[in-house]
PDB file of N, CA and C in Angstrom:
ATOM      1  N   MET A   1       2.090  10.261 -30.693  1.00  0.00           N
ATOM      2  CA  MET A   1       3.188   9.342 -30.930  1.00  0.00           C
ATOM      3  C   MET A   1       4.114   9.263 -29.710  1.00  0.00           C
ATOM      4  N   THR A   2       4.251  10.365 -29.015  1.00  0.00           N
ATOM      5  CA  THR A   2       5.104  10.397 -27.835  1.00  0.00           C
ATOM      6  C   THR A   2       4.552   9.488 -26.747  1.00  0.00           C
ATOM      7  N   ASP A   3       3.224   9.462 -26.616  1.00  0.00           N
ATOM      8  CA  ASP A   3       2.601   8.586 -25.614  1.00  0.00           C
ATOM      9  C   ASP A   3       2.912   7.126 -25.897  1.00  0.00           C
ATOM     10  N   VAL A   4       2.924   6.758 -27.153  1.00  0.00           N
ATOM     11  CA  VAL A   4       3.222   5.371 -27.529  1.00  0.00           C
ATOM     12  C   VAL A   4       4.672   5.050 -27.178  1.00  0.00           C
ATOM     13  N   LYS A   5       5.585   5.970 -27.439  1.00  0.00           N
ATOM     14  CA  LYS A   5       6.994   5.736 -27.111  1.00  0.00           C
ATOM     15  C   LYS A   5       7.189   5.614 -25.599  1.00  0.00           C
ATOM     16  N   ILE A   6       6.509   6.475 -24.857  1.00  0.00           N
ATOM     17  CA  ILE A   6       6.608   6.413 -23.394  1.00  0.00           C
ATOM     18  C   ILE A   6       6.036   5.093 -22.886  1.00  0.00           C
ATOM     19  N   TRP A   7       4.898   4.692 -23.424  1.00  0.00           N
ATOM     20  CA  TRP A   7       4.285   3.422 -23.014  1.00  0.00           C
ATOM     21  C   TRP A   7       5.210   2.259 -23.344  1.00  0.00           C
ATOM     22  N   PHE A   8       5.779   2.255 -24.562  1.00  0.00           N
ATOM     23  CA  PHE A   8       6.667   1.174 -24.959  1.00  0.00           C
ATOM     24  C   PHE A   8       7.889   1.109 -24.046  1.00  0.00           C
ATOM     25  N   GLN A   9       8.475   2.258 -23.729  1.00  0.00           N
ATOM     26  CA  GLN A   9       9.668   2.288 -22.868  1.00  0.00           C
ATOM     27  C   GLN A   9       9.329   1.834 -21.455  1.00  0.00           C
ATOM     28  N   SER A  10       8.206   2.278 -20.918  1.00  0.00           N
ATOM     29  CA  SER A  10       7.844   1.868 -19.561  1.00  0.00           C
ATOM     30  C   SER A  10       7.519   0.381 -19.511  1.00  0.00           C
ATOM     31  N   THR A  11       6.921  -0.145 -20.579  1.00  0.00           N
ATOM     32  CA  THR A  11       6.658  -1.587 -20.635  1.00  0.00           C
ATOM     33  C   THR A  11       7.962  -2.363 -20.703  1.00  0.00           C
ATOM     34  N   LYS A  12       8.890  -1.894 -21.496  1.00  0.00           N
ATOM     35  CA  LYS A  12      10.204  -2.536 -21.612  1.00  0.00           C
ATOM     36  C   LYS A  12      10.938  -2.509 -20.271  1.00  0.00           C
ATOM     37  N   ASP A  13      10.892  -1.367 -19.571  1.00  0.00           N
ATOM     38  CA  ASP A  13      11.525  -1.259 -18.254  1.00  0.00           C
ATOM     39  C   ASP A  13      10.896  -2.230 -17.257  1.00  0.00           C
ATOM     40  N   TYR A  14       9.572  -2.321 -17.311  1.00  0.00           N
ATOM     41  CA  TYR A  14       8.867  -3.238 -16.409  1.00  0.00           C
ATOM     42  C   TYR A  14       9.311  -4.678 -16.642  1.00  0.00           C
ATOM     43  N   VAL A  15       9.375  -5.085 -17.900  1.00  0.00           N
ATOM     44  CA  VAL A  15       9.770  -6.464 -18.216  1.00  0.00           C
ATOM     45  C   VAL A  15      11.208  -6.716 -17.761  1.00  0.00           C
ATOM     46  N   ASN A  16      12.095  -5.765 -17.953  1.00  0.00           N
ATOM     47  CA  ASN A  16      13.487  -5.942 -17.524  1.00  0.00           C
ATOM     48  C   ASN A  16      13.587  -6.036 -15.998  1.00  0.00           C
ATOM     49  N   GLU A  17      12.821  -5.214 -15.294  1.00  0.00           N
ATOM     50  CA  GLU A  17      12.815  -5.290 -13.832  1.00  0.00           C
ATOM     51  C   GLU A  17      12.207  -6.605 -13.353  1.00  0.00           C
ATOM     52  N   LEU A  18      11.199  -7.078 -14.061  1.00  0.00           N
ATOM     53  CA  LEU A  18      10.583  -8.353 -13.716  1.00  0.00           C
ATOM     54  C   LEU A  18      11.575  -9.497 -13.881  1.00  0.00           C
ATOM     55  N   LYS A  19      12.318  -9.493 -14.975  1.00  0.00           N
ATOM     56  CA  LYS A  19      13.339 -10.535 -15.182  1.00  0.00           C
ATOM     57  C   LYS A  19      14.386 -10.505 -14.081  1.00  0.00           C
ATOM     58  N   ALA A  20      14.831  -9.302 -13.707  1.00  0.00           N
ATOM     59  CA  ALA A  20      15.835  -9.179 -12.650  1.00  0.00           C
ATOM     60  C   ALA A  20      15.294  -9.695 -11.320  1.00  0.00           C
ATOM     61  N   GLU A  21      14.054  -9.376 -11.026  1.00  0.00           N
ATOM     62  CA  GLU A  21      13.446  -9.834  -9.769  1.00  0.00           C
ATOM     63  C   GLU A  21      13.285 -11.354  -9.754  1.00  0.00           C
ATOM     64  N   MET A  22      12.906 -11.935 -10.873  1.00  0.00           N
ATOM     65  CA  MET A  22      12.722 -13.393 -10.945  1.00  0.00           C
ATOM     66  C   MET A  22      14.048 -14.128 -10.760  1.00  0.00           C
ATOM     67  N   ARG A  23      15.164 -13.497 -11.129  1.00  0.00           N
ATOM     68  CA  ARG A  23      16.472 -14.121 -10.900  1.00  0.00           C
ATOM     69  C   ARG A  23      16.828 -14.146  -9.410  1.00  0.00           C
ATOM     70  N   ARG A  24      16.264 -13.218  -8.643  1.00  0.00           N
ATOM     71  CA  ARG A  24      16.568 -13.147  -7.206  1.00  0.00           C
ATOM     72  C   ARG A  24      15.673 -14.040  -6.355  1.00  0.00           C
ATOM     73  N   VAL A  25      14.633 -14.611  -6.941  1.00  0.00           N
ATOM     74  CA  VAL A  25      13.706 -15.450  -6.191  1.00  0.00           C
ATOM     75  C   VAL A  25      14.401 -16.741  -5.793  1.00  0.00           C
ATOM     76  N   SER A  26      14.205 -17.160  -4.544  1.00  0.00           N
ATOM     77  CA  SER A  26      14.747 -18.452  -4.120  1.00  0.00           C
ATOM     78  C   SER A  26      13.630 -19.485  -4.262  1.00  0.00           C
ATOM     79  N   TRP A  27      13.771 -20.343  -5.226  1.00  0.00           N
ATOM     80  CA  TRP A  27      12.748 -21.338  -5.530  1.00  0.00           C
ATOM     81  C   TRP A  27      12.916 -22.550  -4.614  1.00  0.00           C
ATOM     82  N   PRO A  28      11.807 -23.128  -4.134  1.00  0.00           N
ATOM     83  CA  PRO A  28      11.912 -24.315  -3.275  1.00  0.00           C
ATOM     84  C   PRO A  28      12.354 -25.529  -4.091  1.00  0.00           C
ATOM     85  N   ASN A  29      13.017 -26.473  -3.391  1.00  0.00           N
ATOM     86  CA  ASN A  29      13.398 -27.697  -4.095  1.00  0.00           C
ATOM     87  C   ASN A  29      12.217 -28.673  -4.100  1.00  0.00           C
ATOM     88  N   ARG A  30      12.387 -29.783  -4.770  1.00  0.00           N
ATOM     89  CA  ARG A  30      11.292 -30.742  -4.938  1.00  0.00           C
ATOM     90  C   ARG A  30      10.794 -31.277  -3.593  1.00  0.00           C
ATOM     91  N   LYS A  31      11.723 -31.550  -2.675  1.00  0.00           N
ATOM     92  CA  LYS A  31      11.341 -32.101  -1.371  1.00  0.00           C
ATOM     93  C   LYS A  31      10.468 -31.106  -0.593  1.00  0.00           C
ATOM     94  N   GLN A  32      10.819 -29.837  -0.637  1.00  0.00           N
ATOM     95  CA  GLN A  32      10.023 -28.818   0.044  1.00  0.00           C
ATOM     96  C   GLN A  32       8.628 -28.706  -0.568  1.00  0.00           C
ATOM     97  N   VAL A  33       8.545 -28.756  -1.884  1.00  0.00           N
ATOM     98  CA  VAL A  33       7.245 -28.664  -2.559  1.00  0.00           C
ATOM     99  C   VAL A  33       6.376 -29.867  -2.198  1.00  0.00           C
ATOM    100  N   GLU A  34       6.961 -31.062  -2.196  1.00  0.00           N
ATOM    101  CA  GLU A  34       6.203 -32.259  -1.837  1.00  0.00           C
ATOM    102  C   GLU A  34       5.715 -32.180  -0.391  1.00  0.00           C
ATOM    103  N   GLY A  35       6.569 -31.688   0.501  1.00  0.00           N
ATOM    104  CA  GLY A  35       6.192 -31.580   1.912  1.00  0.00           C
ATOM    105  C   GLY A  35       5.046 -30.608   2.131  1.00  0.00           C
ATOM    106  N   THR A  36       5.142 -29.435   1.524  1.00  0.00           N
ATOM    107  CA  THR A  36       4.073 -28.456   1.707  1.00  0.00           C
ATOM    108  C   THR A  36       2.790 -28.895   1.009  1.00  0.00           C
ATOM    109  N   THR A  37       2.915 -29.601  -0.113  1.00  0.00           N
ATOM    110  CA  THR A  37       1.725 -30.120  -0.795  1.00  0.00           C
ATOM    111  C   THR A  37       1.015 -31.142   0.085  1.00  0.00           C
ATOM    112  N   ALA A  38       1.781 -31.997   0.728  1.00  0.00           N
ATOM    113  CA  ALA A  38       1.184 -32.995   1.624  1.00  0.00           C
ATOM    114  C   ALA A  38       0.468 -32.322   2.789  1.00  0.00           C
ATOM    115  N   VAL A  39       1.077 -31.282   3.342  1.00  0.00           N
ATOM    116  CA  VAL A  39       0.436 -30.559   4.444  1.00  0.00           C
ATOM    117  C   VAL A  39      -0.880 -29.942   3.984  1.00  0.00           C
ATOM    118  N   VAL A  40      -0.898 -29.362   2.809  1.00  0.00           N
ATOM    119  CA  VAL A  40      -2.122 -28.744   2.290  1.00  0.00           C
ATOM    120  C   VAL A  40      -3.205 -29.794   2.075  1.00  0.00           C
ATOM    121  N   ILE A  41      -2.856 -30.928   1.488  1.00  0.00           N
ATOM    122  CA  ILE A  41      -3.854 -31.975   1.222  1.00  0.00           C
ATOM    123  C   ILE A  41      -4.425 -32.516   2.527  1.00  0.00           C
ATOM    124  N   VAL A  42      -3.562 -32.791   3.501  1.00  0.00           N
ATOM    125  CA  VAL A  42      -4.034 -33.295   4.797  1.00  0.00           C
ATOM    126  C   VAL A  42      -4.916 -32.257   5.477  1.00  0.00           C
ATOM    127  N   SER A  43      -4.517 -30.994   5.418  1.00  0.00           N
ATOM    128  CA  SER A  43      -5.316 -29.929   6.031  1.00  0.00           C
ATOM    129  C   SER A  43      -6.688 -29.813   5.386  1.00  0.00           C
ATOM    130  N   VAL A  44      -6.751 -29.922   4.069  1.00  0.00           N
ATOM    131  CA  VAL A  44      -8.038 -29.836   3.366  1.00  0.00           C
ATOM    132  C   VAL A  44      -8.965 -30.950   3.821  1.00  0.00           C
ATOM    133  N   PHE A  45      -8.448 -32.175   3.901  1.00  0.00           N
ATOM    134  CA  PHE A  45      -9.289 -33.286   4.343  1.00  0.00           C
ATOM    135  C   PHE A  45      -9.688 -33.151   5.810  1.00  0.00           C
ATOM    136  N   ALA A  46      -8.791 -32.636   6.641  1.00  0.00           N
ATOM    137  CA  ALA A  46      -9.121 -32.439   8.058  1.00  0.00           C
ATOM    138  C   ALA A  46     -10.233 -31.397   8.216  1.00  0.00           C
ATOM    139  N   PHE A  47     -10.111 -30.290   7.508  1.00  0.00           N
ATOM    140  CA  PHE A  47     -11.162 -29.274   7.577  1.00  0.00           C
ATOM    141  C   PHE A  47     -12.468 -29.787   6.986  1.00  0.00           C
ATOM    142  N   ALA A  48     -12.391 -30.560   5.912  1.00  0.00           N
ATOM    143  CA  ALA A  48     -13.612 -31.123   5.317  1.00  0.00           C
ATOM    144  C   ALA A  48     -14.316 -32.035   6.312  1.00  0.00           C
ATOM    145  N   GLY A  49     -13.549 -32.869   7.017  1.00  0.00           N
ATOM    146  CA  GLY A  49     -14.137 -33.742   8.034  1.00  0.00           C
ATOM    147  C   GLY A  49     -14.741 -32.952   9.174  1.00  0.00           C
ATOM    148  N   TYR A  50     -14.032 -31.925   9.613  1.00  0.00           N
ATOM    149  CA  TYR A  50     -14.534 -31.086  10.699  1.00  0.00           C
ATOM    150  C   TYR A  50     -15.855 -30.418  10.300  1.00  0.00           C
ATOM    151  N   PHE A  51     -15.871 -29.821   9.114  1.00  0.00           N
ATOM    152  CA  PHE A  51     -17.086 -29.142   8.681  1.00  0.00           C
ATOM    153  C   PHE A  51     -18.224 -30.118   8.410  1.00  0.00           C
ATOM    154  N   ALA A  52     -17.924 -31.334   7.993  1.00  0.00           N
ATOM    155  CA  ALA A  52     -18.975 -32.335   7.801  1.00  0.00           C
ATOM    156  C   ALA A  52     -19.618 -32.686   9.143  1.00  0.00           C
ATOM    157  N   VAL A  53     -18.799 -32.847  10.177  1.00  0.00           N
ATOM    158  CA  VAL A  53     -19.324 -33.165  11.505  1.00  0.00           C
ATOM    159  C   VAL A  53     -20.149 -31.993  12.048  1.00  0.00           C
ATOM    160  N   VAL A  54     -19.622 -30.784  11.946  1.00  0.00           N
ATOM    161  CA  VAL A  54     -20.349 -29.605  12.423  1.00  0.00           C
ATOM    162  C   VAL A  54     -21.657 -29.444  11.652  1.00  0.00           C
ATOM    163  N   ASP A  55     -21.627 -29.648  10.337  1.00  0.00           N
ATOM    164  CA  ASP A  55     -22.835 -29.539   9.522  1.00  0.00           C
ATOM    165  C   ASP A  55     -23.878 -30.567   9.948  1.00  0.00           C
ATOM    166  N   LYS A  56     -23.445 -31.790  10.198  1.00  0.00           N
ATOM    167  CA  LYS A  56     -24.372 -32.844  10.622  1.00  0.00           C
ATOM    168  C   LYS A  56     -25.003 -32.501  11.971  1.00  0.00           C
ATOM    169  N   ILE A  57     -24.197 -32.009  12.907  1.00  0.00           N
ATOM    170  CA  ILE A  57     -24.708 -31.642  14.230  1.00  0.00           C
ATOM    171  C   ILE A  57     -25.715 -30.493  14.118  1.00  0.00           C
ATOM    172  N   LEU A  58     -25.369 -29.466  13.359  1.00  0.00           N
ATOM    173  CA  LEU A  58     -26.279 -28.338  13.198  1.00  0.00           C
ATOM    174  C   LEU A  58     -27.556 -28.738  12.471  1.00  0.00           C
ATOM    175  N   ALA A  59     -27.432 -29.557  11.431  1.00  0.00           N
ATOM    176  CA  ALA A  59     -28.616 -29.988  10.682  1.00  0.00           C
ATOM    177  C   ALA A  59     -29.547 -30.808  11.573  1.00  0.00           C
ATOM    178  N   THR A  60     -28.983 -31.697  12.385  1.00  0.00           N
ATOM    179  CA  THR A  60     -29.797 -32.494  13.300  1.00  0.00           C
ATOM    180  C   THR A  60     -30.471 -31.606  14.342  1.00  0.00           C
ATOM    181  N   GLY A  61     -29.722 -30.655  14.886  1.00  0.00           N
ATOM    182  CA  GLY A  61     -30.287 -29.746  15.883  1.00  0.00           C
ATOM    183  C   GLY A  61     -31.401 -28.891  15.309  1.00  0.00           C
ATOM    184  N   ILE A  62     -31.218 -28.361  14.128  1.00  0.00           N
ATOM    185  CA  ILE A  62     -32.260 -27.535  13.511  1.00  0.00           C
ATOM    186  C   ILE A  62     -33.477 -28.371  13.168  1.00  0.00           C
ATOM    187  N   THR A  63     -33.256 -29.586  12.676  1.00  0.00           N
ATOM    188  CA  THR A  63     -34.387 -30.466  12.355  1.00  0.00           C
ATOM    189  C   THR A  63     -35.196 -30.776  13.608  1.00  0.00           C
ATOM    190  N   ARG A  64     -34.510 -31.086  14.696  1.00  0.00           N
ATOM    191  CA  ARG A  64     -35.216 -31.379  15.948  1.00  0.00           C
ATOM    192  C   ARG A  64     -35.943 -30.145  16.480  1.00  0.00           C
ATOM    193  N   LEU A  65     -35.321 -28.988  16.353  1.00  0.00           N
ATOM    194  CA  LEU A  65     -35.937 -27.751  16.798  1.00  0.00           C
ATOM    195  C   LEU A  65     -37.194 -27.440  15.991  1.00  0.00           C
ATOM    196  N   LEU A  66     -37.138 -27.586  14.692  1.00  0.00           N
ATOM    197  CA  LEU A  66     -38.302 -27.359  13.844  1.00  0.00           C
ATOM    198  C   LEU A  66     -39.411 -28.375  14.109  1.00  0.00           C
ATOM    199  N   ALA A  67     -39.008 -29.628  14.344  1.00  0.00           N
ATOM    200  CA  ALA A  67     -39.995 -30.652  14.649  1.00  0.00           C
ATOM    201  C   ALA A  67     -40.676 -30.366  15.980  1.00  0.00           C
ATOM    202  N   TYR A  68     -39.927 -29.846  16.945  1.00  0.00           N
ATOM    203  CA  TYR A  68     -40.485 -29.507  18.242  1.00  0.00           C
ATOM    204  C   TYR A  68     -41.545 -28.405  18.125  1.00  0.00           C
ATOM    205  N   PHE A  69     -41.238 -27.389  17.346  1.00  0.00           N
ATOM    206  CA  PHE A  69     -42.159 -26.271  17.204  1.00  0.00           C
ATOM    207  C   PHE A  69     -43.296 -26.568  16.216  1.00  0.00           C
ATOM    208  N   ALA A  70     -43.171 -27.603  15.413  1.00  0.00           N
ATOM    209  CA  ALA A  70     -44.201 -27.948  14.441  1.00  0.00           C
ATOM    210  C   ALA A  70     -45.350 -28.731  15.091  1.00  0.00           C
ATOM    211  N   LYS A  71     -45.137 -29.194  16.313  1.00  0.00           N
ATOM    212  CA  LYS A  71     -46.162 -29.992  16.998  1.00  0.00           C
ATOM    213  C   LYS A  71     -47.371 -29.173  17.333  1.00  0.00           C
TER     214      LYS A  71
END
């Protein structure tokens, strides 16, 4: 029974500390969230384009290499 009381108290302490910490967090405003979201979306598309080009170049090179050795 003592273990249950200790567990309950430590859980309660954790939740209280979590609430206190969440009050100290500085949350971004809407403009900051929109700006960082736009940066992430643009970055994802830029990397996707880059990897598509690299993939195409490598696939073409490997295909030509295999065709050369298949002769």
